[in-house]
Amino acid sequence: MPYTTLLFDIDDTLLDFKAAEHFAISTLMAELSVEVSETNVQTYSRINQGYWEEFEKGLIAKDVLVARRFETFFALHNLTVNGSEMDGKFRNYLEQSHHFIPGTIPLLDALKPIYSLYATTNGVARTQHRRIKDSGLIHYFQDIFVSEETGYQKPTKEYFHYVFARIPNFSPKETLIIGDSLTSDILGGINAGIDTCWFNPNQSPNPFTHIKPTYEIASLAELQVLLEKE
C-alpha cells in the first residue's frame, strides 16, 4: 500500500542541527572566555547527547536536562554557571541558525503536492517553532508536533498516539516516519506500528540488534526515489 502521510524529524534530518549547535555553543563559550575549539565543541555535544538520551528514557525532566548540560560542561573549565540562564542565551543563538541538510527544499517541493507532511520533533517549543518558521519549512507542514507541547517525547508510544490522534483519517499502514535517530525516530516508529526510514548520511553501522528500520537512506534524494517505487 502506498504511503499518504510522512512524518519528518527536523534536527539533522531537514535542518543541520550540528551546524546550529556549533554556532550557538561557540558563541556562548567565547562569551565566557572559554577556548573555542573543536575539542570543546565536541565535548559539549557528547554531554548534551548523553542528557537527551536520559530524557528519552524518562530518567530526567526537561528542565533538568537543559540546565545540567551547561553546568556539567562549564564545570570542566572551572566555571560555576546558572544552567537555566545559560540555556536561555544558548537558545537565542541557536534560533538564529537554520542551515539546511542538502536536498531538503527540492525534496519537500516534490513531496508536498502528493503527501500529507508533518513535523515530529523533540525539543523546546519556542526554539523549534522559530527555526521552522524562519527557515521557511513551516509552509510545507500540515502540523508541527514538538515534544514539549505534546507532553511526551519520541520514542514513547504516548507521543505517537498524540500525533496520530491529530492527523485526519490517519492510517498506520500508509504512514512513514523519516529521521536520523535510531533510538528516537526509528524505535519510536517501530513501537507505534508504522514504517520507518533511517536517514544515515554518514552510513554509520547500526549498533542495535533490536532496532531495524524498514528503509535506510544516505541522502534525502534517495527518499524521493524510494517513495516513487512504493
C-alpha atoms as a PDB file:
ATOM      1  CA  MET A   1       0.000   0.000   0.000  1.00  0.00           C
ATOM      2  CA  PRO A   2       1.481   3.408  -0.963  1.00  0.00           C
ATOM      3  CA  TYR A   3       2.170   5.983   1.743  1.00  0.00           C
ATOM      4  CA  THR A   4      -0.040   9.036   2.124  1.00  0.00           C
ATOM      5  CA  THR A   5       1.389  10.527   5.343  1.00  0.00           C
ATOM      6  CA  LEU A   6       5.042  11.364   6.004  1.00  0.00           C
ATOM      7  CA  LEU A   7       6.356  12.289   9.458  1.00  0.00           C
ATOM      8  CA  PHE A   8       9.639  14.193   9.330  1.00  0.00           C
ATOM      9  CA  ASP A   9      12.101  14.643  12.127  1.00  0.00           C
ATOM     10  CA  ILE A  10      13.645  18.121  11.933  1.00  0.00           C
ATOM     11  CA  ASP A  11      17.104  18.243  13.501  1.00  0.00           C
ATOM     12  CA  ASP A  12      19.809  16.573  11.404  1.00  0.00           C
ATOM     13  CA  THR A  13      17.141  15.316   9.030  1.00  0.00           C
ATOM     14  CA  LEU A  14      15.945  18.542   7.387  1.00  0.00           C
ATOM     15  CA  LEU A  15      17.815  21.226   9.331  1.00  0.00           C
ATOM     16  CA  ASP A  16      21.503  20.883  10.143  1.00  0.00           C
ATOM     17  CA  PHE A  17      21.321  20.989  13.917  1.00  0.00           C
ATOM     18  CA  LYS A  18      25.029  20.267  14.282  1.00  0.00           C
ATOM     19  CA  ALA A  19      25.843  23.497  12.430  1.00  0.00           C
ATOM     20  CA  ALA A  20      23.358  25.454  14.538  1.00  0.00           C
ATOM     21  CA  GLU A  21      24.647  23.896  17.750  1.00  0.00           C
ATOM     22  CA  HIS A  22      28.258  24.631  16.758  1.00  0.00           C
ATOM     23  CA  PHE A  23      27.430  28.305  16.223  1.00  0.00           C
ATOM     24  CA  ALA A  24      25.465  28.595  19.475  1.00  0.00           C
ATOM     25  CA  ILE A  25      27.894  26.842  21.814  1.00  0.00           C
ATOM     26  CA  SER A  26      30.913  28.540  20.209  1.00  0.00           C
ATOM     27  CA  THR A  27      29.317  31.941  20.745  1.00  0.00           C
ATOM     28  CA  LEU A  28      28.475  31.055  24.342  1.00  0.00           C
ATOM     29  CA  MET A  29      31.999  29.777  25.038  1.00  0.00           C
ATOM     30  CA  ALA A  30      33.511  32.961  23.654  1.00  0.00           C
ATOM     31  CA  GLU A  31      31.200  34.995  25.862  1.00  0.00           C
ATOM     32  CA  LEU A  32      32.522  33.146  28.935  1.00  0.00           C
ATOM     33  CA  SER A  33      36.173  33.292  27.778  1.00  0.00           C
ATOM     34  CA  VAL A  34      36.375  29.525  27.202  1.00  0.00           C
ATOM     35  CA  GLU A  35      38.591  28.446  24.327  1.00  0.00           C
ATOM     36  CA  VAL A  36      36.530  27.950  21.176  1.00  0.00           C
ATOM     37  CA  SER A  37      37.948  24.724  19.796  1.00  0.00           C
ATOM     38  CA  GLU A  38      36.609  21.636  18.054  1.00  0.00           C
ATOM     39  CA  THR A  39      37.585  19.586  21.084  1.00  0.00           C
ATOM     40  CA  ASN A  40      35.461  21.731  23.389  1.00  0.00           C
ATOM     41  CA  VAL A  41      32.540  21.797  20.942  1.00  0.00           C
ATOM     42  CA  GLN A  42      32.610  18.012  20.670  1.00  0.00           C
ATOM     43  CA  THR A  43      32.809  17.669  24.445  1.00  0.00           C
ATOM     44  CA  TYR A  44      29.679  19.757  24.837  1.00  0.00           C
ATOM     45  CA  SER A  45      27.926  17.714  22.140  1.00  0.00           C
ATOM     46  CA  ARG A  46      28.694  14.456  23.938  1.00  0.00           C
ATOM     47  CA  ILE A  47      27.435  15.838  27.247  1.00  0.00           C
ATOM     48  CA  ASN A  48      24.297  17.187  25.596  1.00  0.00           C
ATOM     49  CA  GLN A  49      23.600  13.918  23.768  1.00  0.00           C
ATOM     50  CA  GLY A  50      24.008  11.961  26.974  1.00  0.00           C
ATOM     51  CA  TYR A  51      21.422  14.044  28.766  1.00  0.00           C
ATOM     52  CA  TRP A  52      18.989  13.840  25.821  1.00  0.00           C
ATOM     53  CA  GLU A  53      19.276  10.052  25.859  1.00  0.00           C
ATOM     54  CA  GLU A  54      18.432  10.055  29.567  1.00  0.00           C
ATOM     55  CA  PHE A  55      15.454  12.292  28.812  1.00  0.00           C
ATOM     56  CA  GLU A  56      14.221   9.988  26.021  1.00  0.00           C
ATOM     57  CA  LYS A  57      14.341   7.110  28.503  1.00  0.00           C
ATOM     58  CA  GLY A  58      12.319   9.108  31.004  1.00  0.00           C
ATOM     59  CA  LEU A  59      15.175   9.286  33.525  1.00  0.00           C
ATOM     60  CA  ILE A  60      15.336  13.082  33.830  1.00  0.00           C
ATOM     61  CA  ALA A  61      12.974  16.003  33.310  1.00  0.00           C
ATOM     62  CA  LYS A  62      13.376  18.539  30.504  1.00  0.00           C
ATOM     63  CA  ASP A  63      14.225  21.449  32.829  1.00  0.00           C
ATOM     64  CA  VAL A  64      16.958  19.348  34.418  1.00  0.00           C
ATOM     65  CA  LEU A  65      18.357  18.413  31.017  1.00  0.00           C
ATOM     66  CA  VAL A  66      18.593  21.930  29.593  1.00  0.00           C
ATOM     67  CA  ALA A  67      20.287  23.329  32.709  1.00  0.00           C
ATOM     68  CA  ARG A  68      22.559  20.488  33.744  1.00  0.00           C
ATOM     69  CA  ARG A  69      24.268  20.117  30.341  1.00  0.00           C
ATOM     70  CA  PHE A  70      25.747  23.607  30.662  1.00  0.00           C
ATOM     71  CA  GLU A  71      26.577  23.232  34.337  1.00  0.00           C
ATOM     72  CA  THR A  72      28.418  19.994  33.563  1.00  0.00           C
ATOM     73  CA  PHE A  73      30.254  21.385  30.551  1.00  0.00           C
ATOM     74  CA  PHE A  74      31.435  24.646  32.101  1.00  0.00           C
ATOM     75  CA  ALA A  75      32.417  22.867  35.315  1.00  0.00           C
ATOM     76  CA  LEU A  76      35.104  21.153  33.208  1.00  0.00           C
ATOM     77  CA  HIS A  77      36.537  24.646  32.730  1.00  0.00           C
ATOM     78  CA  ASN A  78      36.303  25.517  36.434  1.00  0.00           C
ATOM     79  CA  LEU A  79      33.278  27.731  35.910  1.00  0.00           C
ATOM     80  CA  THR A  80      30.126  27.640  38.007  1.00  0.00           C
ATOM     81  CA  VAL A  81      27.184  28.854  35.941  1.00  0.00           C
ATOM     82  CA  ASN A  82      23.429  29.172  36.216  1.00  0.00           C
ATOM     83  CA  GLY A  83      22.328  26.417  33.858  1.00  0.00           C
ATOM     84  CA  SER A  84      18.918  27.905  33.134  1.00  0.00           C
ATOM     85  CA  GLU A  85      20.445  31.282  32.342  1.00  0.00           C
ATOM     86  CA  MET A  86      23.000  29.654  30.017  1.00  0.00           C
ATOM     87  CA  ASP A  87      20.217  27.739  28.288  1.00  0.00           C
ATOM     88  CA  GLY A  88      18.355  30.963  27.568  1.00  0.00           C
ATOM     89  CA  LYS A  89      21.415  32.512  25.954  1.00  0.00           C
ATOM     90  CA  PHE A  90      22.207  29.327  24.059  1.00  0.00           C
ATOM     91  CA  ARG A  91      18.679  29.138  22.647  1.00  0.00           C
ATOM     92  CA  ASN A  92      18.825  32.717  21.495  1.00  0.00           C
ATOM     93  CA  TYR A  93      21.938  31.894  19.477  1.00  0.00           C
ATOM     94  CA  LEU A  94      20.514  28.564  18.320  1.00  0.00           C
ATOM     95  CA  GLU A  95      17.375  30.182  16.955  1.00  0.00           C
ATOM     96  CA  GLN A  96      19.470  32.430  14.731  1.00  0.00           C
ATOM     97  CA  SER A  97      20.852  29.495  12.747  1.00  0.00           C
ATOM     98  CA  HIS A  98      18.894  27.328  10.326  1.00  0.00           C
ATOM     99  CA  HIS A  99      21.172  25.636   7.817  1.00  0.00           C
ATOM    100  CA  PHE A 100      19.509  23.053   5.593  1.00  0.00           C
ATOM    101  CA  ILE A 101      20.576  19.462   5.141  1.00  0.00           C
ATOM    102  CA  PRO A 102      21.472  19.142   1.406  1.00  0.00           C
ATOM    103  CA  GLY A 103      18.402  18.361  -0.661  1.00  0.00           C
ATOM    104  CA  THR A 104      15.798  19.491   1.868  1.00  0.00           C
ATOM    105  CA  ILE A 105      13.950  22.070  -0.227  1.00  0.00           C
ATOM    106  CA  PRO A 106      13.901  20.115  -3.536  1.00  0.00           C
ATOM    107  CA  LEU A 107      12.599  17.088  -1.658  1.00  0.00           C
ATOM    108  CA  LEU A 108       9.823  18.935   0.145  1.00  0.00           C
ATOM    109  CA  ASP A 109       8.849  20.791  -3.021  1.00  0.00           C
ATOM    110  CA  ALA A 110       8.414  17.420  -4.743  1.00  0.00           C
ATOM    111  CA  LEU A 111       6.553  15.755  -1.867  1.00  0.00           C
ATOM    112  CA  LYS A 112       4.159  18.488  -0.737  1.00  0.00           C
ATOM    113  CA  PRO A 113       1.695  18.144  -3.657  1.00  0.00           C
ATOM    114  CA  ILE A 114       1.464  14.369  -3.146  1.00  0.00           C
ATOM    115  CA  TYR A 115       1.695  13.625   0.568  1.00  0.00           C
ATOM    116  CA  SER A 116       0.459  14.958   3.883  1.00  0.00           C
ATOM    117  CA  LEU A 117       3.611  16.190   5.626  1.00  0.00           C
ATOM    118  CA  TYR A 118       4.033  16.601   9.381  1.00  0.00           C
ATOM    119  CA  ALA A 119       6.978  17.654  11.553  1.00  0.00           C
ATOM    120  CA  THR A 120       7.677  15.435  14.570  1.00  0.00           C
ATOM    121  CA  THR A 121      10.460  16.782  16.747  1.00  0.00           C
ATOM    122  CA  ASN A 122      11.817  16.567  20.262  1.00  0.00           C
ATOM    123  CA  GLY A 123      12.933  19.861  21.706  1.00  0.00           C
ATOM    124  CA  VAL A 124      11.871  23.156  23.235  1.00  0.00           C
ATOM    125  CA  ALA A 125       8.747  24.531  21.561  1.00  0.00           C
ATOM    126  CA  ARG A 126       9.844  28.157  21.191  1.00  0.00           C
ATOM    127  CA  THR A 127      13.156  27.216  19.631  1.00  0.00           C
ATOM    128  CA  GLN A 128      11.765  24.619  17.240  1.00  0.00           C
ATOM    129  CA  HIS A 129       8.870  26.761  16.060  1.00  0.00           C
ATOM    130  CA  ARG A 130      11.123  29.742  15.422  1.00  0.00           C
ATOM    131  CA  ARG A 131      13.676  27.672  13.483  1.00  0.00           C
ATOM    132  CA  ILE A 132      10.971  26.013  11.399  1.00  0.00           C
ATOM    133  CA  LYS A 133       9.283  29.346  10.704  1.00  0.00           C
ATOM    134  CA  ASP A 134      12.418  31.379   9.976  1.00  0.00           C
ATOM    135  CA  SER A 135      13.812  28.674   7.687  1.00  0.00           C
ATOM    136  CA  GLY A 136      10.602  28.646   5.639  1.00  0.00           C
ATOM    137  CA  LEU A 137       9.872  24.986   6.394  1.00  0.00           C
ATOM    138  CA  ILE A 138       6.609  25.871   8.107  1.00  0.00           C
ATOM    139  CA  HIS A 139       4.842  26.186   4.745  1.00  0.00           C
ATOM    140  CA  TYR A 140       5.415  22.520   3.940  1.00  0.00           C
ATOM    141  CA  PHE A 141       3.781  21.002   7.023  1.00  0.00           C
ATOM    142  CA  GLN A 142       0.133  20.493   7.833  1.00  0.00           C
ATOM    143  CA  ASP A 143       1.043  20.451  11.515  1.00  0.00           C
ATOM    144  CA  ILE A 144       4.097  20.557  13.773  1.00  0.00           C
ATOM    145  CA  PHE A 145       4.360  18.332  16.853  1.00  0.00           C
ATOM    146  CA  VAL A 146       7.030  19.435  19.340  1.00  0.00           C
ATOM    147  CA  SER A 147       7.587  17.147  22.311  1.00  0.00           C
ATOM    148  CA  GLU A 148       7.382  19.965  24.855  1.00  0.00           C
ATOM    149  CA  GLU A 149       3.879  20.865  23.667  1.00  0.00           C
ATOM    150  CA  THR A 150       2.622  17.290  23.481  1.00  0.00           C
ATOM    151  CA  GLY A 151       3.804  16.440  26.976  1.00  0.00           C
ATOM    152  CA  TYR A 152       5.651  13.404  25.649  1.00  0.00           C
ATOM    153  CA  GLN A 153       8.777  12.780  23.602  1.00  0.00           C
ATOM    154  CA  LYS A 154       9.956  10.376  20.956  1.00  0.00           C
ATOM    155  CA  PRO A 155      10.279   7.391  21.184  1.00  0.00           C
ATOM    156  CA  THR A 156       7.379   6.962  23.650  1.00  0.00           C
ATOM    157  CA  LYS A 157       4.143   5.453  22.393  1.00  0.00           C
ATOM    158  CA  GLU A 158       2.289   8.314  24.075  1.00  0.00           C
ATOM    159  CA  TYR A 159       3.999  10.849  21.819  1.00  0.00           C
ATOM    160  CA  PHE A 160       2.972   8.978  18.684  1.00  0.00           C
ATOM    161  CA  HIS A 161      -0.569   8.367  19.933  1.00  0.00           C
ATOM    162  CA  TYR A 162      -0.846  12.116  20.485  1.00  0.00           C
ATOM    163  CA  VAL A 163       0.322  12.753  16.909  1.00  0.00           C
ATOM    164  CA  PHE A 164      -1.840  10.071  15.324  1.00  0.00           C
ATOM    165  CA  ALA A 165      -4.971  11.368  17.064  1.00  0.00           C
ATOM    166  CA  ARG A 166      -4.456  14.751  15.392  1.00  0.00           C
ATOM    167  CA  ILE A 167      -3.913  13.556  11.828  1.00  0.00           C
ATOM    168  CA  PRO A 168      -7.177  13.445   9.827  1.00  0.00           C
ATOM    169  CA  ASN A 169      -8.074   9.974   8.525  1.00  0.00           C
ATOM    170  CA  PHE A 170      -4.871   8.550   9.949  1.00  0.00           C
ATOM    171  CA  SER A 171      -3.809   5.107   8.710  1.00  0.00           C
ATOM    172  CA  PRO A 172      -0.692   3.486  10.230  1.00  0.00           C
ATOM    173  CA  LYS A 173      -0.187   1.341   7.120  1.00  0.00           C
ATOM    174  CA  GLU A 174       0.010   4.483   4.978  1.00  0.00           C
ATOM    175  CA  THR A 175       2.406   6.358   7.267  1.00  0.00           C
ATOM    176  CA  LEU A 176       6.209   6.574   7.191  1.00  0.00           C
ATOM    177  CA  ILE A 177       8.493   8.354   9.656  1.00  0.00           C
ATOM    178  CA  ILE A 178      11.840   9.696   8.443  1.00  0.00           C
ATOM    179  CA  GLY A 179      14.588  10.569  10.908  1.00  0.00           C
ATOM    180  CA  ASP A 180      18.275  10.340  11.746  1.00  0.00           C
ATOM    181  CA  SER A 181      17.955   8.903  15.253  1.00  0.00           C
ATOM    182  CA  LEU A 182      17.647   5.157  15.716  1.00  0.00           C
ATOM    183  CA  THR A 183      16.720   5.495  19.400  1.00  0.00           C
ATOM    184  CA  SER A 184      14.205   8.288  18.884  1.00  0.00           C
ATOM    185  CA  ASP A 185      12.641   8.290  15.405  1.00  0.00           C
ATOM    186  CA  ILE A 186      13.123   4.687  14.344  1.00  0.00           C
ATOM    187  CA  LEU A 187      12.477   2.975  17.677  1.00  0.00           C
ATOM    188  CA  GLY A 188       9.504   5.253  18.213  1.00  0.00           C
ATOM    189  CA  GLY A 189       8.061   4.416  14.822  1.00  0.00           C
ATOM    190  CA  ILE A 190       8.561   0.699  15.377  1.00  0.00           C
ATOM    191  CA  ASN A 191       6.869   0.817  18.775  1.00  0.00           C
ATOM    192  CA  ALA A 192       3.997   2.828  17.290  1.00  0.00           C
ATOM    193  CA  GLY A 193       3.435   0.335  14.475  1.00  0.00           C
ATOM    194  CA  ILE A 194       4.429   2.420  11.462  1.00  0.00           C
ATOM    195  CA  ASP A 195       7.146   2.005   8.832  1.00  0.00           C
ATOM    196  CA  THR A 196      10.440   3.784   9.390  1.00  0.00           C
ATOM    197  CA  CYS A 197      13.183   5.309   7.263  1.00  0.00           C
ATOM    198  CA  TRP A 198      16.587   5.871   8.841  1.00  0.00           C
ATOM    199  CA  PHE A 199      18.422   8.878   7.394  1.00  0.00           C
ATOM    200  CA  ASN A 200      22.050   7.836   7.746  1.00  0.00           C
ATOM    201  CA  PRO A 201      24.210  10.210   5.658  1.00  0.00           C
ATOM    202  CA  ASN A 202      27.472   9.001   7.209  1.00  0.00           C
ATOM    203  CA  GLN A 203      26.484   5.382   6.585  1.00  0.00           C
ATOM    204  CA  SER A 204      27.230   4.544  10.202  1.00  0.00           C
ATOM    205  CA  PRO A 205      26.736   0.956  11.318  1.00  0.00           C
ATOM    206  CA  ASN A 206      23.577   0.193  13.267  1.00  0.00           C
ATOM    207  CA  PRO A 207      24.725  -0.829  16.777  1.00  0.00           C
ATOM    208  CA  PHE A 208      21.277  -2.035  17.838  1.00  0.00           C
ATOM    209  CA  THR A 209      20.047  -5.518  17.006  1.00  0.00           C
ATOM    210  CA  HIS A 210      16.519  -4.676  18.201  1.00  0.00           C
ATOM    211  CA  ILE A 211      16.111  -1.500  16.135  1.00  0.00           C
ATOM    212  CA  LYS A 212      15.707  -2.374  12.472  1.00  0.00           C
ATOM    213  CA  PRO A 213      14.375   0.358  10.189  1.00  0.00           C
ATOM    214  CA  THR A 214      12.135  -0.511   7.261  1.00  0.00           C
ATOM    215  CA  TYR A 215      14.382   1.534   4.973  1.00  0.00           C
ATOM    216  CA  GLU A 216      17.760   3.243   5.163  1.00  0.00           C
ATOM    217  CA  ILE A 217      18.920   6.177   3.033  1.00  0.00           C
ATOM    218  CA  ALA A 218      22.177   8.087   2.819  1.00  0.00           C
ATOM    219  CA  SER A 219      20.728  11.203   1.157  1.00  0.00           C
ATOM    220  CA  LEU A 220      17.375  12.934   1.034  1.00  0.00           C
ATOM    221  CA  ALA A 221      17.268  12.433  -2.734  1.00  0.00           C
ATOM    222  CA  GLU A 222      17.101   8.688  -2.083  1.00  0.00           C
ATOM    223  CA  LEU A 223      13.852   9.158  -0.192  1.00  0.00           C
ATOM    224  CA  GLN A 224      12.077  10.512  -3.248  1.00  0.00           C
ATOM    225  CA  VAL A 225      13.274   7.539  -5.305  1.00  0.00           C
ATOM    226  CA  LEU A 226      12.123   5.155  -2.574  1.00  0.00           C
ATOM    227  CA  LEU A 227       8.681   6.722  -2.406  1.00  0.00           C
ATOM    228  CA  GLU A 228       8.265   6.623  -6.177  1.00  0.00           C
ATOM    229  CA  LYS A 229       8.950   2.886  -6.086  1.00  0.00           C
ATOM    230  CA  GLU A 230       6.367   2.399  -3.365  1.00  0.00           C
END
